[in-house]
Amino acid sequence: MIPFRAWKVSHLLRTTVNYSISGPSGRGLDNVSVFDLIVFNRKWGRWGVGPLVQFLPNRGAGGHTALAGPAAGCVARKGEWNLGLFNQNLFGRTVRFSSVQPVIAYVVGHGWSIASGDAQWAIDWTAPQLVKLPVGVQVARVTRLGGQPIRLFVNPEFNARSVFGTPHWTIRFGLAILAPAV
């Protein structure tokens, strides 16, 4: 996440680059997503709304290489807890897809946190059907690397919904470069 201000408005910019080591699409660079939320701070927490774009690997003629749609979310902080929802919607010529991500996180202390992770419950509106119902836990640590704040995490996840082509288990390892607001 990169917080910034433009035209006197707060933004959160996030780019996610996925690399697959196994699965139906094989090995290599996978989907790349970018969203820019305009953020509104409130007493209870904050909420945001903005555009989302996802770039897909070229998988042959007739396939989508880019999708777009709106994203929106809200997070409330209560003591050491962060609670909220994040919604993403992608549309293309033959694609109508939404995901809802619950935000449940607890700050343990000393830079450690436990969260529901990147568990995005996914709906394919063309079917219509729930295609992913992941349940997982993310353990993260905020630390410094050469003076730069970073966040390291591991996120094992089980997909409780069995749909052909979706993996039952996913394990994400990540490193996020943190850019605190100035």
Foldseek 3Di string as FASTA:
>chain_A
DAWDDDPNWIKDKDKDWDFDCDFPVHGGTAKIKIWIWGWDADPFWIKTKTKMKIAGPDPDPPDDGMWIDMKIKTWGDDPQWIWIKIKDWTDDPQWTKMWIDTWTKGAPDPQKIKTQPRQTFMATPNVTDTDFGKGWMKIKGWDDDPNWTKIWIKIWIATPDDDPRDDRIDIDTDMGGDDDDD
